[in-house]
C-alpha atoms as a PDB file:
ATOM      1  CA  MET A   1       7.994  18.722  -1.993  1.00  0.00           C
ATOM      2  CA  SER A   2       7.330  15.497  -0.127  1.00  0.00           C
ATOM      3  CA  TYR A   3       4.003  13.765   0.252  1.00  0.00           C
ATOM      4  CA  TYR A   4       3.232  11.569   3.237  1.00  0.00           C
ATOM      5  CA  THR A   5       0.581   8.879   3.452  1.00  0.00           C
ATOM      6  CA  HIS A   6      -0.568   7.201   6.668  1.00  0.00           C
ATOM      7  CA  VAL A   7      -1.506   3.562   6.028  1.00  0.00           C
ATOM      8  CA  ASP A   8      -3.198   0.906   8.156  1.00  0.00           C
ATOM      9  CA  ILE A   9      -2.608  -2.662   6.951  1.00  0.00           C
ATOM     10  CA  GLN A  10      -4.358  -5.821   8.102  1.00  0.00           C
ATOM     11  CA  VAL A  11      -4.075  -9.301   6.647  1.00  0.00           C
ATOM     12  CA  SER A  12      -6.460 -12.254   6.577  1.00  0.00           C
ATOM     13  CA  ASP A  13      -3.908 -14.837   7.655  1.00  0.00           C
ATOM     14  CA  GLU A  14      -0.458 -15.151   9.172  1.00  0.00           C
ATOM     15  CA  LEU A  15       2.122 -13.679   6.911  1.00  0.00           C
ATOM     16  CA  ASN A  16       5.825 -14.127   6.265  1.00  0.00           C
ATOM     17  CA  ALA A  17       7.018 -10.502   6.190  1.00  0.00           C
ATOM     18  CA  GLU A  18      10.263 -11.447   4.423  1.00  0.00           C
ATOM     19  CA  LEU A  19       8.251 -12.991   1.586  1.00  0.00           C
ATOM     20  CA  VAL A  20       6.144  -9.836   1.274  1.00  0.00           C
ATOM     21  CA  LEU A  21       9.257  -7.648   1.288  1.00  0.00           C
ATOM     22  CA  SER A  22      10.922  -9.818  -1.359  1.00  0.00           C
ATOM     23  CA  HIS A  23       7.953  -9.472  -3.731  1.00  0.00           C
ATOM     24  CA  ALA A  24       7.619  -5.771  -2.886  1.00  0.00           C
ATOM     25  CA  LYS A  25      11.297  -5.183  -3.709  1.00  0.00           C
ATOM     26  CA  ALA A  26      10.950  -6.915  -7.082  1.00  0.00           C
ATOM     27  CA  TYR A  27       7.934  -4.733  -7.923  1.00  0.00           C
ATOM     28  CA  LEU A  28       9.546  -1.485  -6.733  1.00  0.00           C
ATOM     29  CA  ASP A  29      12.779  -2.222  -8.619  1.00  0.00           C
ATOM     30  CA  ALA A  30      10.807  -2.916 -11.813  1.00  0.00           C
ATOM     31  CA  GLN A  31       8.926   0.374 -11.388  1.00  0.00           C
ATOM     32  CA  GLY A  32      12.138   2.358 -10.950  1.00  0.00           C
ATOM     33  CA  ILE A  33      11.074   3.745  -7.576  1.00  0.00           C
ATOM     34  CA  TYR A  34      13.912   5.969  -6.373  1.00  0.00           C
ATOM     35  CA  SER A  35      13.724   5.055  -2.695  1.00  0.00           C
ATOM     36  CA  VAL A  36      13.202   1.297  -2.701  1.00  0.00           C
ATOM     37  CA  GLU A  37      15.004   0.690   0.605  1.00  0.00           C
ATOM     38  CA  ASP A  38      13.028   3.451   2.360  1.00  0.00           C
ATOM     39  CA  VAL A  39       9.706   2.075   1.104  1.00  0.00           C
ATOM     40  CA  LEU A  40      10.699  -1.444   2.163  1.00  0.00           C
ATOM     41  CA  ALA A  41      11.659  -0.218   5.648  1.00  0.00           C
ATOM     42  CA  ASP A  42       8.318   1.604   5.939  1.00  0.00           C
ATOM     43  CA  LEU A  43       6.456  -1.474   4.700  1.00  0.00           C
ATOM     44  CA  GLU A  44       8.260  -3.762   7.142  1.00  0.00           C
ATOM     45  CA  ALA A  45       7.329  -1.471  10.041  1.00  0.00           C
ATOM     46  CA  ALA A  46       3.719  -1.200   8.839  1.00  0.00           C
ATOM     47  CA  LEU A  47       3.368  -4.972   8.592  1.00  0.00           C
ATOM     48  CA  ALA A  48       4.778  -5.412  12.101  1.00  0.00           C
ATOM     49  CA  GLU A  49       2.739  -2.625  13.709  1.00  0.00           C
ATOM     50  CA  GLY A  50      -0.372  -2.629  11.523  1.00  0.00           C
ATOM     51  CA  ARG A  51       0.224   0.958  10.473  1.00  0.00           C
ATOM     52  CA  GLY A  52       2.907   3.164   9.053  1.00  0.00           C
ATOM     53  CA  LEU A  53       3.871   6.445   7.460  1.00  0.00           C
ATOM     54  CA  PHE A  54       5.164   6.381   3.889  1.00  0.00           C
ATOM     55  CA  LYS A  55       7.007   9.242   2.218  1.00  0.00           C
ATOM     56  CA  GLY A  56       6.328   9.775  -1.472  1.00  0.00           C
ATOM     57  CA  MET A  57       3.732   7.005  -1.817  1.00  0.00           C
ATOM     58  CA  THR A  58       0.198   7.763  -3.016  1.00  0.00           C
ATOM     59  CA  CYS A  59      -2.913   5.610  -3.319  1.00  0.00           C
ATOM     60  CA  ASP A  60      -1.979   4.659  -6.882  1.00  0.00           C
ATOM     61  CA  ASP A  61       1.507   3.639  -5.734  1.00  0.00           C
ATOM     62  CA  PHE A  62       0.056   1.387  -3.019  1.00  0.00           C
ATOM     63  CA  GLU A  63      -2.460  -0.073  -5.407  1.00  0.00           C
ATOM     64  CA  GLY A  64       0.248  -1.203  -7.810  1.00  0.00           C
ATOM     65  CA  LEU A  65       2.496  -2.453  -5.024  1.00  0.00           C
ATOM     66  CA  LEU A  66      -0.140  -4.506  -3.237  1.00  0.00           C
ATOM     67  CA  GLU A  67      -1.672  -5.856  -6.428  1.00  0.00           C
ATOM     68  CA  ALA A  68       1.774  -7.268  -7.240  1.00  0.00           C
ATOM     69  CA  VAL A  69       2.359  -8.601  -3.718  1.00  0.00           C
ATOM     70  CA  SER A  70      -1.111 -10.140  -3.444  1.00  0.00           C
ATOM     71  CA  ALA A  71      -0.696 -11.818  -6.837  1.00  0.00           C
ATOM     72  CA  ALA A  72       2.459 -13.477  -5.507  1.00  0.00           C
ATOM     73  CA  ILE A  73       0.777 -14.468  -2.214  1.00  0.00           C
ATOM     74  CA  PRO A  74      -2.796 -15.309  -3.279  1.00  0.00           C
ATOM     75  CA  ALA A  75      -3.751 -17.104  -0.050  1.00  0.00           C
ATOM     76  CA  VAL A  76      -3.623 -13.826   1.906  1.00  0.00           C
ATOM     77  CA  THR A  77      -6.022 -10.897   1.606  1.00  0.00           C
ATOM     78  CA  PHE A  78      -4.632  -7.454   2.441  1.00  0.00           C
ATOM     79  CA  PHE A  79      -6.907  -4.765   3.900  1.00  0.00           C
ATOM     80  CA  VAL A  80      -5.462  -1.267   3.513  1.00  0.00           C
ATOM     81  CA  ARG A  81      -6.744   2.103   4.687  1.00  0.00           C
ATOM     82  CA  GLY A  82      -4.822   5.187   3.619  1.00  0.00           C
ATOM     83  CA  MET A  83      -4.918   8.875   4.404  1.00  0.00           C
ATOM     84  CA  GLY A  84      -2.760  11.370   2.534  1.00  0.00           C
ATOM     85  CA  GLU A  85      -1.973  14.987   3.319  1.00  0.00           C
ATOM     86  CA  GLU A  86      -4.826  16.391   1.231  1.00  0.00           C
ATOM     87  CA  PHE A  87      -8.263  16.350   2.895  1.00  0.00           C
ATOM     88  CA  PRO A  88     -10.035  14.216   0.224  1.00  0.00           C
ATOM     89  CA  ASP A  89      -7.103  11.775  -0.010  1.00  0.00           C
ATOM     90  CA  VAL A  90      -8.768   9.050   2.062  1.00  0.00           C
ATOM     91  CA  TRP A  91      -9.123   5.567   0.623  1.00  0.00           C
ATOM     92  CA  LEU A  92      -9.789   1.905   1.364  1.00  0.00           C
ATOM     93  CA  ARG A  93      -8.580  -1.105  -0.580  1.00  0.00           C
ATOM     94  CA  GLN A  94      -8.834  -4.851  -0.244  1.00  0.00           C
ATOM     95  CA  PHE A  95      -6.295  -6.860  -2.257  1.00  0.00           C
ATOM     96  CA  ALA A  96      -6.602 -10.548  -3.075  1.00  0.00           C
ATOM     97  CA  GLY A  97      -5.043 -12.624  -5.817  1.00  0.00           C
ATOM     98  CA  GLY A  98      -3.487  -9.620  -7.515  1.00  0.00           C
ATOM     99  CA  LYS A  99      -6.676  -7.573  -7.677  1.00  0.00           C
ATOM    100  CA  SER A 100      -7.971  -4.520  -5.875  1.00  0.00           C
ATOM    101  CA  LEU A 101     -11.465  -5.368  -4.634  1.00  0.00           C
ATOM    102  CA  SER A 102     -14.165  -2.833  -3.744  1.00  0.00           C
ATOM    103  CA  PRO A 103     -11.992   0.292  -3.973  1.00  0.00           C
ATOM    104  CA  ILE A 104     -13.260   3.360  -2.128  1.00  0.00           C
ATOM    105  CA  GLY A 105     -11.650   6.792  -2.619  1.00  0.00           C
ATOM    106  CA  PRO A 106      -9.612   8.845  -2.811  1.00  0.00           C
ATOM    107  CA  PHE A 107     -12.315  11.407  -3.201  1.00  0.00           C
ATOM    108  CA  ASP A 108     -12.327  14.125  -5.828  1.00  0.00           C
ATOM    109  CA  ARG A 109     -12.142  17.569  -4.281  1.00  0.00           C
ATOM    110  CA  SER A 110     -13.826  19.151  -7.314  1.00  0.00           C
ATOM    111  CA  ASN A 111     -17.090  17.310  -6.495  1.00  0.00           C
ATOM    112  CA  SER A 112     -17.432  18.908  -3.063  1.00  0.00           C
ATOM    113  CA  ASP A 113     -19.409  22.081  -2.465  1.00  0.00           C
END
């Protein structure tokens, strides 16, 4: 079964996409992600268009990826909004200097009435 996540990405400053992709590839390779080239292609499109659709990536996956990328490019802040296939899988993250700041969501379905 596949899981898709829609992601909006904004950055605080101009960005060299090749630099981001290089750091992303190093992180994904180290994590043993099975579809590194697919994730990189999705990330490249999302950076160019401000949004993208990622197959097999969850909030936790993005958090690790963008913490690593933002640590390598500390002058840029990344603003990410994600929405997965499950209704409560909505989240916001701001990444700067290798840290996730003010995380919101995803929401726990068991807490809803």
